[in-house]
Amino acid sequence: MDMLWNGWGDPAKAAPLPETVTGLLHDLLGVEPRSTPALGLEDIRPPAPTAAPAALRALAAAVGEEHVRTDTASRVRHTRGKSTPDLLRLRAGDVTDVPQAVVLPAGHDEVLAVLRACAAHGLAVVPFGGGTSVVGGLAPQRSAFVSLDLRRMNRLLDLDPLSRTAVLQPGLRAPEAEALLAAEGFTLGHFPQSFEWATIGGFAAARSSGQASAGYGRFDEMVLALTLATPEGTLTTGRAPRSAAGPDLRQLILGSEGAFGVITSVTVRIRPLPEVRVHEGWRFASFLEGAAALRRLAQDGPRPTVLRLSDETETLVGLAQPDAIGADAAQGGAGCLAIAGYEGTAEDTAHRRERAATVLAGCGGTPAGTAPGERWAHGRYSAPYLRDALLDAGAFAETLETAAFWSRIPGLYTAVRTALTDTLTRAGTPPLVMCHISHVYENGASLYFTVVSAQGEDPVAHWTPAKHAANEAVLAAGGTISHHHGVGTDHRDWYVREAGPLGVSALRAVKRRLDPEGLLNPGVLLPTD
């Protein structure tokens, strides 16, 4: 099934906001209902493909004629990603970034053939997995490009139960991967908010981090080997769990966002299916107090599988449990809500949960029982649908994230909140800014911000200064420009500053060797020459 063309996910799951919420949006933020009717897919009129017939014939020769699509629906569905600006532009009928064609290869050799055909005819290539990028990762800076949809590359190629490894193709969606592994008694343990739609290749290309990262680790920590198709040939990396044979070339591919090549297979670490899963809630008087408790667990243990903390505003609004917003006024409340989840054997889970409870209580936490945790687990993939409902109601809603060392978290939190609040307030749309910690490490944590405001006359232009101000605040406060969303085009200029001139020059040298014509996702990750 394809995603909703002008929103997130399964169209059947889209639902309007409760009247109580729309009323609050109007009263608190001045949100007005949309004045113009929404466009349908049939109303979108992209420019006709300008690719030469010879180029389309070459693509058909590579993958089969039936797997080269130039119809309007296919091209529109592969236009940009799923950030709020992406969707607002699409909803307004702006399809200036539409691909010439959508090409669906079946395997590594066909990907190589497509790259050769595109090189011969001067077409850029944008790898497309689930289409879930929220940082402009699917909007190349070249008008003549094809979208390389990897959905046909969706198999489990190998499973080694002794080594606990699996080889997966990149177009395999996360739920399908989990089902295939579960049939053999294993799990990957990677459950990001994009889980229902994102793909294995996308996880690797963007250094994804799942909601159970405290227990299972980030996706890049799970990757043991990769195969990359490039215009210059095939690059294979990883032949042992660890190696001292020079620099780890996997790290060049992980996070490269399709700018160096197309990931065609991923070997990952897998783990046995847990016997028990349980989630519970804890209350803290303040965000800083709760953050200190999370740091204690991350540094000294025992570490839960899931560990996250909502600030006072996010807790009060109820966004910590997005599936229940508007349905239960008592779900929010004062203070901050933390969620702790445990997976594993019954004995290990009970032991870690008991020890963690001692630490959390000792840090000022009050147990809230399993209801908040189970409600969060039930609605853990609902927030993007909520974002769409907010857009439908005339509100603006967007997210951004960063990470820093523990000592810098308080200053980073304040700096980003202030930048967003001040910029949007000066523009006449005072926002609601919420935040949570969703990934913890021994040395630091991530911060994930959600911003809701009125849209303004031109919502994309209205948001851009606030986003830029937040990016500046992140760098000034010592944070990284992205923890798990990636660089894309939205963060590229700040990533260049974070990496530094010499680092960027080294990456450019890699791109020139693997992609000498600059065909792969031009302008994404690195500026075009």
Protein backbone atom coordinates (compact mmCIF):
# COMPACT_ATOMS: atom_id res chain seq x y z
CA MET A 1 0.00 0.00 0.00
CA ASP A 2 1.15 3.55 -0.74
CA MET A 3 1.23 6.22 1.94
CA LEU A 4 -1.31 8.99 1.94
CA TRP A 5 -0.08 11.26 -0.86
CA ASN A 6 -0.52 14.53 1.06
CA GLY A 7 -0.03 13.30 4.61
CA TRP A 8 1.28 10.50 6.74
CA GLY A 9 0.65 6.80 6.63
CA ASP A 10 -2.50 4.78 6.14
CA PRO A 11 -5.39 6.95 4.86
CA ALA A 12 -7.80 4.79 6.87
CA LYS A 13 -6.13 5.91 10.12
CA ALA A 14 -6.56 9.63 9.48
CA ALA A 15 -8.93 11.22 12.00
CA PRO A 16 -10.00 14.81 12.75
CA LEU A 17 -9.10 16.49 16.03
CA PRO A 18 -11.66 16.38 18.85
CA GLU A 19 -13.67 19.60 19.14
CA THR A 20 -12.14 20.25 22.56
CA VAL A 21 -8.70 20.40 20.96
CA THR A 22 -9.73 22.62 18.03
CA GLY A 23 -11.36 24.99 20.50
CA LEU A 24 -8.19 25.22 22.56
CA LEU A 25 -6.11 25.82 19.44
CA HIS A 26 -8.34 28.78 18.57
CA ASP A 27 -8.46 30.20 22.09
CA LEU A 28 -4.79 29.76 23.00
CA LEU A 29 -2.95 30.11 19.69
CA GLY A 30 -5.39 31.95 17.43
CA VAL A 31 -5.66 29.04 14.99
CA GLU A 32 -8.34 29.62 12.36
CA PRO A 33 -9.92 26.93 10.15
CA ARG A 34 -8.57 26.64 6.63
CA SER A 35 -10.30 29.01 4.22
CA THR A 36 -9.65 27.04 1.03
CA PRO A 37 -10.71 23.46 0.25
CA ALA A 38 -8.02 20.81 0.14
CA LEU A 39 -6.76 19.73 -3.26
CA GLY A 40 -7.28 16.15 -4.37
CA LEU A 41 -4.64 14.09 -6.11
CA GLU A 42 -6.65 14.48 -9.30
CA ASP A 43 -6.20 18.27 -9.01
CA ILE A 44 -2.41 18.12 -9.10
CA ARG A 45 -0.90 18.90 -12.49
CA PRO A 46 2.85 18.25 -12.55
CA PRO A 47 4.86 19.25 -15.61
CA ALA A 48 5.18 16.51 -18.21
CA PRO A 49 8.42 14.47 -18.08
CA THR A 50 11.18 16.04 -20.15
CA ALA A 51 13.52 13.04 -20.06
CA ALA A 52 14.53 11.95 -23.55
CA PRO A 53 12.77 8.84 -24.90
CA ALA A 54 16.19 7.20 -25.14
CA ALA A 55 16.69 7.69 -21.40
CA LEU A 56 13.34 6.09 -20.57
CA ARG A 57 14.16 3.20 -22.92
CA ALA A 58 17.48 2.69 -21.13
CA LEU A 59 15.72 2.62 -17.76
CA ALA A 60 13.18 0.11 -19.12
CA ALA A 61 16.03 -2.06 -20.36
CA ALA A 62 17.51 -2.04 -16.86
CA VAL A 63 14.40 -3.01 -14.86
CA GLY A 64 11.65 -3.90 -17.33
CA GLU A 65 9.20 -1.52 -18.95
CA GLU A 66 6.46 -2.23 -16.40
CA HIS A 67 8.77 -1.03 -13.63
CA VAL A 68 9.33 2.45 -15.04
CA ARG A 69 6.39 4.66 -14.07
CA THR A 70 5.69 8.09 -15.51
CA ASP A 71 2.03 8.46 -14.53
CA THR A 72 0.99 11.48 -12.49
CA ALA A 73 0.02 9.60 -9.32
CA SER A 74 3.33 7.74 -9.08
CA ARG A 75 5.37 10.87 -9.69
CA VAL A 76 3.40 12.98 -7.18
CA ARG A 77 3.65 10.27 -4.50
CA HIS A 78 7.44 10.40 -4.89
CA THR A 79 7.67 14.19 -4.62
CA ARG A 80 9.63 15.24 -1.54
CA GLY A 81 9.16 13.65 1.89
CA LYS A 82 6.91 14.08 4.91
CA SER A 83 8.10 17.18 6.74
CA THR A 84 5.45 19.80 7.42
CA PRO A 85 6.87 22.18 4.76
CA ASP A 86 6.97 19.27 2.28
CA LEU A 87 3.30 18.51 2.90
CA LEU A 88 2.15 22.12 2.92
CA ARG A 89 3.79 22.75 -0.45
CA LEU A 90 2.26 19.59 -1.87
CA ARG A 91 -1.18 20.44 -0.48
CA ALA A 92 -0.90 23.81 -2.22
CA GLY A 93 -0.23 22.08 -5.55
CA ASP A 94 3.51 22.83 -5.64
CA VAL A 95 5.15 19.88 -7.42
CA THR A 96 8.24 21.64 -8.74
CA ASP A 97 10.38 18.83 -7.27
CA VAL A 98 8.51 16.04 -9.09
CA PRO A 99 10.68 13.22 -10.51
CA GLN A 100 10.82 12.49 -14.23
CA ALA A 101 10.01 8.84 -13.55
CA VAL A 102 9.75 6.30 -10.76
CA VAL A 103 12.01 3.28 -11.30
CA LEU A 104 11.61 0.04 -9.34
CA PRO A 105 14.64 -2.29 -9.47
CA ALA A 106 14.48 -5.87 -8.20
CA GLY A 107 18.06 -6.34 -7.03
CA HIS A 108 21.63 -5.09 -6.80
CA ASP A 109 22.48 -5.70 -10.45
CA GLU A 110 19.41 -3.80 -11.63
CA VAL A 111 20.34 -0.88 -9.38
CA LEU A 112 23.78 -0.80 -11.00
CA ALA A 113 22.14 -0.90 -14.43
CA VAL A 114 19.86 2.03 -13.51
CA LEU A 115 22.84 4.06 -12.30
CA ARG A 116 24.69 3.38 -15.55
CA ALA A 117 21.64 4.42 -17.59
CA CYS A 118 21.20 7.62 -15.58
CA ALA A 119 24.89 8.47 -15.91
CA ALA A 120 24.69 8.00 -19.68
CA HIS A 121 21.69 10.33 -19.97
CA GLY A 122 22.50 12.93 -17.31
CA LEU A 123 19.67 12.02 -14.91
CA ALA A 124 20.12 12.38 -11.17
CA VAL A 125 18.99 9.55 -8.86
CA VAL A 126 17.15 9.83 -5.54
CA PRO A 127 16.94 6.54 -3.58
CA PHE A 128 13.42 6.14 -2.16
CA GLY A 129 12.56 3.74 0.65
CA GLY A 130 9.51 4.58 2.74
CA GLY A 131 9.46 8.24 1.73
CA THR A 132 9.48 9.29 5.39
CA SER A 133 12.25 11.91 5.34
CA VAL A 134 11.40 15.03 7.35
CA VAL A 135 14.55 17.03 6.54
CA GLY A 136 14.31 17.51 2.76
CA GLY A 137 16.19 14.31 2.04
CA LEU A 138 14.10 13.58 -1.08
CA ALA A 139 14.31 17.03 -2.66
CA PRO A 140 17.49 17.09 -4.78
CA GLN A 141 18.88 20.27 -6.26
CA ARG A 142 18.44 19.15 -9.84
CA SER A 143 15.27 19.23 -11.90
CA ALA A 144 15.94 16.15 -14.03
CA PHE A 145 15.98 13.17 -11.69
CA VAL A 146 14.39 9.77 -11.21
CA SER A 147 13.07 8.34 -7.98
CA LEU A 148 14.63 4.93 -7.34
CA ASP A 149 11.90 3.13 -5.40
CA LEU A 150 13.36 0.06 -3.67
CA ARG A 151 10.08 -1.58 -2.64
CA ARG A 152 10.68 -4.67 -4.81
CA MET A 153 13.90 -5.34 -2.89
CA ASN A 154 12.04 -6.55 0.19
CA ARG A 155 13.38 -9.96 1.14
CA LEU A 156 15.12 -11.56 4.08
CA LEU A 157 18.16 -12.95 2.26
CA ASP A 158 19.78 -14.92 5.07
CA LEU A 159 19.45 -15.62 8.77
CA ASP A 160 22.28 -17.06 10.87
CA PRO A 161 20.80 -18.15 14.21
CA LEU A 162 24.19 -19.17 15.58
CA SER A 163 25.75 -15.76 14.97
CA ARG A 164 22.39 -14.01 15.45
CA THR A 165 22.65 -12.05 12.21
CA ALA A 166 20.26 -11.43 9.34
CA VAL A 167 20.80 -10.07 5.83
CA LEU A 168 17.95 -7.81 4.73
CA GLN A 169 17.22 -6.01 1.49
CA PRO A 170 16.82 -2.23 1.73
CA GLY A 171 13.20 -1.91 0.59
CA LEU A 172 11.91 -4.14 3.38
CA ARG A 173 9.56 -2.13 5.58
CA ALA A 174 10.13 -2.41 9.31
CA PRO A 175 6.88 -4.31 10.12
CA GLU A 176 7.64 -6.83 7.37
CA ALA A 177 11.18 -7.26 8.65
CA GLU A 178 9.93 -7.84 12.19
CA ALA A 179 7.38 -10.40 10.97
CA LEU A 180 10.01 -12.32 9.01
CA LEU A 181 12.41 -12.33 11.95
CA ALA A 182 9.68 -13.19 14.47
CA ALA A 183 8.82 -16.30 12.43
CA GLU A 184 12.35 -17.48 13.27
CA GLY A 185 12.15 -16.40 16.92
CA PHE A 186 14.08 -13.13 16.61
CA THR A 187 13.62 -9.37 16.62
CA LEU A 188 15.63 -6.42 15.39
CA GLY A 189 14.30 -4.28 18.23
CA HIS A 190 14.18 -1.13 16.12
CA PHE A 191 10.92 0.78 16.60
CA PRO A 192 11.16 4.44 15.54
CA GLN A 193 8.05 6.59 15.22
CA SER A 194 8.24 5.97 11.45
CA PHE A 195 8.20 2.19 12.06
CA GLU A 196 5.03 1.43 10.09
CA TRP A 197 6.41 2.89 6.84
CA ALA A 198 10.18 3.29 6.98
CA THR A 199 12.56 0.77 5.42
CA ILE A 200 15.75 -1.02 6.37
CA GLY A 201 17.78 0.92 3.81
CA GLY A 202 16.38 4.20 5.08
CA PHE A 203 17.27 3.31 8.66
CA ALA A 204 20.90 2.82 7.63
CA ALA A 205 21.07 5.80 5.27
CA ALA A 206 19.80 8.22 7.95
CA ARG A 207 21.28 6.66 11.13
CA SER A 208 17.83 6.01 12.56
CA SER A 209 17.22 5.62 16.27
CA GLY A 210 14.30 3.61 17.62
CA GLN A 211 12.16 4.18 20.68
CA ALA A 212 13.76 1.16 22.39
CA SER A 213 17.28 2.46 21.79
CA ALA A 214 18.15 2.39 25.49
CA GLY A 215 17.99 -1.40 25.34
CA TYR A 216 18.65 -2.35 21.70
CA GLY A 217 20.84 0.56 20.59
CA ARG A 218 20.62 2.80 17.53
CA PHE A 219 20.24 1.24 14.10
CA ASP A 220 23.82 2.10 13.12
CA GLU A 221 24.97 0.06 16.14
CA MET A 222 23.04 -2.94 14.80
CA VAL A 223 24.62 -2.85 11.32
CA LEU A 224 27.41 -5.37 10.77
CA ALA A 225 27.81 -5.19 6.99
CA LEU A 226 26.53 -3.22 4.00
CA THR A 227 26.53 -3.48 0.22
CA LEU A 228 26.51 -0.25 -1.77
CA ALA A 229 25.81 0.21 -5.48
CA THR A 230 27.52 3.29 -6.95
CA PRO A 231 28.03 4.69 -10.45
CA GLU A 232 31.62 3.43 -10.14
CA GLY A 233 30.71 -0.12 -9.07
CA THR A 234 30.04 -2.08 -5.89
CA LEU A 235 31.37 -1.38 -2.42
CA THR A 236 31.07 -4.14 0.22
CA THR A 237 31.88 -3.54 3.87
CA GLY A 238 31.91 -5.66 7.02
CA ARG A 239 33.11 -9.25 7.31
CA ALA A 240 33.39 -9.64 11.10
CA PRO A 241 31.62 -8.27 14.18
CA ARG A 242 34.61 -5.98 14.84
CA SER A 243 37.83 -5.35 12.95
CA ALA A 244 41.08 -3.41 13.20
CA ALA A 245 41.65 -3.61 9.44
CA GLY A 246 41.84 0.10 8.83
CA PRO A 247 39.05 2.68 9.15
CA ASP A 248 35.54 1.20 9.22
CA LEU A 249 34.11 1.88 5.76
CA ARG A 250 30.61 1.14 7.07
CA GLN A 251 30.72 4.54 8.70
CA LEU A 252 31.01 6.20 5.28
CA ILE A 253 27.75 4.61 4.21
CA LEU A 254 25.77 4.92 7.43
CA GLY A 255 24.24 8.38 7.44
CA SER A 256 25.24 9.11 3.82
CA GLU A 257 21.56 9.63 2.82
CA GLY A 258 21.93 8.28 -0.71
CA ALA A 259 24.64 10.82 -1.63
CA PHE A 260 27.41 8.21 -2.04
CA GLY A 261 25.46 5.26 -3.40
CA VAL A 262 22.40 3.05 -3.06
CA ILE A 263 22.35 0.58 -0.17
CA THR A 264 21.31 -2.81 -1.58
CA SER A 265 21.74 -5.10 1.44
CA VAL A 266 22.19 -4.68 5.18
CA THR A 267 23.50 -7.30 7.61
CA VAL A 268 22.17 -6.65 11.10
CA ARG A 269 22.49 -8.00 14.59
CA ILE A 270 19.29 -9.67 15.81
CA ARG A 271 18.14 -10.81 19.25
CA PRO A 272 15.70 -13.41 20.55
CA LEU A 273 12.08 -12.34 20.87
CA PRO A 274 11.43 -11.11 24.41
CA GLU A 275 9.22 -13.19 26.67
CA VAL A 276 7.85 -10.12 28.44
CA ARG A 277 7.19 -6.49 27.50
CA VAL A 278 5.98 -4.03 30.11
CA HIS A 279 5.82 -0.21 30.16
CA GLU A 280 5.16 2.02 33.15
CA GLY A 281 4.95 5.71 34.03
CA TRP A 282 6.81 7.83 36.56
CA ARG A 283 6.16 11.43 37.63
CA PHE A 284 8.82 14.05 38.35
CA ALA A 285 8.36 17.56 39.66
CA SER A 286 10.48 19.15 36.91
CA PHE A 287 12.17 18.37 33.60
CA LEU A 288 15.65 18.85 35.07
CA GLU A 289 14.85 16.53 37.98
CA GLY A 290 13.57 13.88 35.61
CA ALA A 291 16.59 14.31 33.32
CA ALA A 292 18.89 13.72 36.28
CA ALA A 293 17.07 10.46 37.01
CA LEU A 294 17.41 9.32 33.39
CA ARG A 295 21.12 10.15 33.51
CA ARG A 296 21.58 8.02 36.63
CA LEU A 297 20.02 5.00 34.89
CA ALA A 298 21.93 5.58 31.66
CA GLN A 299 25.26 5.87 33.43
CA ASP A 300 24.99 3.47 36.35
CA GLY A 301 22.10 1.17 35.41
CA PRO A 302 20.02 -0.77 35.35
CA ARG A 303 19.06 0.57 31.95
CA PRO A 304 15.45 0.01 30.83
CA THR A 305 14.77 -0.96 27.22
CA VAL A 306 12.68 2.20 26.71
CA LEU A 307 13.45 5.37 28.63
CA ARG A 308 11.94 8.77 27.83
CA LEU A 309 10.84 11.93 29.60
CA SER A 310 8.35 14.64 28.58
CA ASP A 311 8.76 18.18 29.82
CA GLU A 312 6.06 20.05 31.73
CA THR A 313 4.32 21.39 28.63
CA GLU A 314 4.29 18.12 26.73
CA THR A 315 3.02 16.33 29.82
CA LEU A 316 0.26 18.88 30.44
CA VAL A 317 -0.94 18.73 26.81
CA GLY A 318 -0.84 14.94 26.84
CA LEU A 319 1.50 14.54 23.87
CA ALA A 320 3.41 11.92 25.84
CA GLN A 321 0.44 9.67 25.01
CA PRO A 322 -0.71 11.03 21.62
CA ASP A 323 -3.29 8.34 20.96
CA ALA A 324 -5.40 9.66 23.85
CA ILE A 325 -5.22 13.43 23.28
CA GLY A 326 -8.64 14.97 23.80
CA ALA A 327 -10.08 11.73 25.18
CA ASP A 328 -8.90 11.88 28.78
CA ALA A 329 -8.38 15.23 30.44
CA ALA A 330 -6.66 13.57 33.39
CA GLN A 331 -3.87 12.01 31.36
CA GLY A 332 -1.68 15.13 31.48
CA GLY A 333 -1.34 16.79 34.83
CA ALA A 334 1.42 18.70 36.58
CA GLY A 335 5.11 17.89 36.52
CA CYS A 336 6.79 15.64 33.96
CA LEU A 337 5.90 12.15 32.81
CA ALA A 338 8.64 9.58 32.25
CA ILE A 339 8.08 6.27 30.49
CA ALA A 340 10.19 3.23 31.33
CA GLY A 341 9.84 0.00 29.38
CA TYR A 342 11.39 -3.40 29.95
CA GLU A 343 11.81 -6.35 27.58
CA GLY A 344 13.45 -9.72 27.97
CA THR A 345 12.98 -12.84 30.02
CA ALA A 346 10.47 -12.67 32.83
CA GLU A 347 13.21 -13.00 35.44
CA ASP A 348 15.52 -10.38 33.95
CA THR A 349 12.69 -7.94 33.30
CA ALA A 350 11.39 -8.16 36.85
CA HIS A 351 14.90 -7.76 38.27
CA ARG A 352 15.77 -4.68 36.17
CA ARG A 353 12.38 -3.12 36.78
CA GLU A 354 12.72 -3.48 40.56
CA ARG A 355 16.25 -2.05 40.64
CA ALA A 356 15.33 0.80 38.30
CA ALA A 357 12.35 1.68 40.48
CA THR A 358 14.69 2.13 43.44
CA VAL A 359 16.84 4.54 41.42
CA LEU A 360 13.87 6.50 40.02
CA ALA A 361 12.24 6.84 43.45
CA GLY A 362 15.56 7.88 44.96
CA CYS A 363 15.79 10.65 42.36
CA GLY A 364 12.39 12.04 43.34
CA GLY A 365 10.18 10.04 41.01
CA THR A 366 6.67 8.91 41.90
CA PRO A 367 5.35 5.70 40.32
CA ALA A 368 2.28 6.20 38.12
CA GLY A 369 1.59 2.54 37.36
CA THR A 370 1.51 0.75 34.04
CA ALA A 371 -1.46 2.65 32.53
CA PRO A 372 0.57 5.65 31.22
CA GLY A 373 3.26 3.33 29.85
CA GLU A 374 0.86 1.01 28.09
CA ARG A 375 -1.09 3.99 26.71
CA TRP A 376 2.17 5.39 25.31
CA ALA A 377 3.04 2.00 23.78
CA HIS A 378 -0.41 1.75 22.19
CA GLY A 379 -0.15 5.20 20.60
CA ARG A 380 3.59 5.30 19.92
CA TYR A 381 3.12 5.63 16.14
CA SER A 382 0.19 8.07 16.25
CA ALA A 383 1.98 11.43 16.46
CA PRO A 384 2.44 11.87 12.67
CA TYR A 385 -1.30 11.31 12.18
CA LEU A 386 -1.93 13.92 14.87
CA ARG A 387 0.32 16.34 12.96
CA ASP A 388 -1.82 15.85 9.83
CA ALA A 389 -4.99 16.50 11.81
CA LEU A 390 -3.48 19.73 13.15
CA LEU A 391 -2.64 20.84 9.61
CA ASP A 392 -6.19 20.03 8.50
CA ALA A 393 -7.52 22.19 11.34
CA GLY A 394 -5.43 25.18 10.25
CA ALA A 395 -2.59 24.83 12.77
CA PHE A 396 1.10 24.55 12.02
CA ALA A 397 2.90 21.61 13.66
CA GLU A 398 6.49 20.53 13.18
CA THR A 399 9.26 18.70 15.02
CA LEU A 400 13.03 19.03 15.31
CA GLU A 401 15.61 17.17 17.32
CA THR A 402 19.20 17.34 18.54
CA ALA A 403 21.52 15.75 21.08
CA ALA A 404 24.31 16.83 23.44
CA PHE A 405 26.39 15.75 26.39
CA TRP A 406 24.54 15.69 29.72
CA SER A 407 26.24 18.85 31.00
CA ARG A 408 24.93 20.79 28.01
CA ILE A 409 21.35 19.48 28.01
CA PRO A 410 19.84 22.22 30.26
CA GLY A 411 21.37 25.06 28.24
CA LEU A 412 20.48 23.43 24.91
CA TYR A 413 16.89 22.89 26.03
CA THR A 414 16.50 26.54 27.05
CA ALA A 415 18.26 27.93 23.97
CA VAL A 416 16.13 26.06 21.43
CA ARG A 417 12.84 26.75 23.24
CA THR A 418 13.71 30.43 23.46
CA ALA A 419 14.71 30.66 19.79
CA LEU A 420 11.46 29.06 18.64
CA THR A 421 9.23 31.02 21.02
CA ASP A 422 10.80 34.41 20.36
CA THR A 423 10.93 34.06 16.57
CA LEU A 424 7.35 32.87 16.15
CA THR A 425 5.98 35.34 18.71
CA ARG A 426 7.61 38.25 16.89
CA ALA A 427 5.96 36.95 13.70
CA GLY A 428 2.54 37.20 15.35
CA THR A 429 1.98 33.48 16.00
CA PRO A 430 3.04 32.68 19.57
CA PRO A 431 3.73 28.92 19.69
CA LEU A 432 3.30 26.02 22.02
CA VAL A 433 6.76 24.42 22.32
CA MET A 434 7.03 20.94 23.82
CA CYS A 435 10.03 18.70 24.34
CA HIS A 436 11.03 15.22 25.40
CA ILE A 437 14.14 13.15 25.91
CA SER A 438 13.67 9.97 23.91
CA HIS A 439 17.19 8.47 23.62
CA VAL A 440 19.75 8.25 26.41
CA TYR A 441 23.42 7.36 26.51
CA GLU A 442 26.05 7.14 29.18
CA ASN A 443 27.40 10.52 28.13
CA GLY A 444 24.34 12.42 26.91
CA ALA A 445 20.85 12.37 25.46
CA SER A 446 18.63 13.64 22.67
CA LEU A 447 16.07 16.44 22.82
CA TYR A 448 12.99 16.22 20.59
CA PHE A 449 10.92 19.39 20.19
CA THR A 450 7.35 19.71 18.90
CA VAL A 451 6.10 23.15 17.85
CA VAL A 452 2.45 24.10 17.33
CA SER A 453 1.23 27.55 16.26
CA ALA A 454 -1.09 29.31 13.86
CA GLN A 455 0.03 28.94 10.25
CA GLY A 456 0.33 32.56 9.15
CA GLU A 457 -0.43 33.70 5.61
CA ASP A 458 2.44 31.70 4.06
CA PRO A 459 3.11 28.80 6.46
CA VAL A 460 6.39 27.63 4.91
CA ALA A 461 7.87 31.13 4.77
CA HIS A 462 6.52 31.73 8.26
CA TRP A 463 8.30 28.65 9.66
CA THR A 464 11.65 29.10 7.93
CA PRO A 465 13.05 31.87 10.19
CA ALA A 466 12.05 29.90 13.30
CA LYS A 467 13.71 26.73 11.99
CA HIS A 468 16.87 28.66 11.15
CA ALA A 469 16.89 30.29 14.58
CA ALA A 470 16.55 26.88 16.22
CA ASN A 471 19.42 25.51 14.11
CA GLU A 472 21.61 28.43 15.14
CA ALA A 473 20.68 27.86 18.78
CA VAL A 474 21.58 24.16 18.52
CA LEU A 475 25.09 24.86 17.26
CA ALA A 476 25.67 27.75 19.67
CA ALA A 477 24.63 25.61 22.66
CA GLY A 478 26.92 22.72 21.71
CA GLY A 479 24.34 20.34 20.23
CA THR A 480 24.48 18.33 17.03
CA ILE A 481 22.31 19.49 14.14
CA SER A 482 20.56 16.11 14.05
CA HIS A 483 20.35 13.10 16.32
CA HIS A 484 18.26 10.80 14.09
CA HIS A 485 16.26 12.73 11.48
CA GLY A 486 19.36 13.25 9.33
CA VAL A 487 20.78 16.15 7.35
CA GLY A 488 18.90 16.27 4.04
CA THR A 489 18.75 19.79 2.64
CA ASP A 490 17.12 21.40 5.70
CA HIS A 491 20.19 20.86 7.95
CA ARG A 492 22.88 20.80 5.28
CA ASP A 493 24.32 24.29 5.75
CA TRP A 494 24.54 23.80 9.53
CA TYR A 495 26.01 20.31 9.09
CA VAL A 496 28.77 21.85 6.95
CA ARG A 497 29.62 24.14 9.85
CA GLU A 498 29.46 21.27 12.34
CA ALA A 499 31.76 19.06 10.22
CA GLY A 500 34.20 21.86 9.46
CA PRO A 501 35.99 22.73 6.20
CA LEU A 502 38.47 19.87 6.27
CA GLY A 503 35.79 17.32 7.13
CA VAL A 504 33.56 18.53 4.31
CA SER A 505 36.49 18.41 1.87
CA ALA A 506 37.16 14.79 2.85
CA LEU A 507 33.50 13.89 2.26
CA ARG A 508 33.54 15.67 -1.08
CA ALA A 509 36.54 13.58 -2.09
CA VAL A 510 34.63 10.41 -1.24
CA LYS A 511 31.64 11.57 -3.28
CA ARG A 512 33.83 12.44 -6.28
CA ARG A 513 35.34 8.94 -6.24
CA LEU A 514 32.05 7.05 -5.85
CA ASP A 515 29.82 9.46 -7.81
CA PRO A 516 32.06 11.52 -10.12
CA GLU A 517 29.14 13.08 -12.05
CA GLY A 518 27.31 14.09 -8.89
CA LEU A 519 24.17 12.15 -9.84
CA LEU A 520 23.25 10.74 -6.44
CA ASN A 521 20.88 12.93 -4.42
CA PRO A 522 22.58 16.20 -5.46
CA GLY A 523 22.44 18.88 -2.80
CA VAL A 524 21.46 16.44 -0.05
CA LEU A 525 24.00 16.09 2.82
CA LEU A 526 26.60 18.17 0.94
CA PRO A 527 26.16 21.36 -1.10
CA THR A 528 26.51 20.94 -4.85
CA ASP A 529 29.76 22.24 -6.33
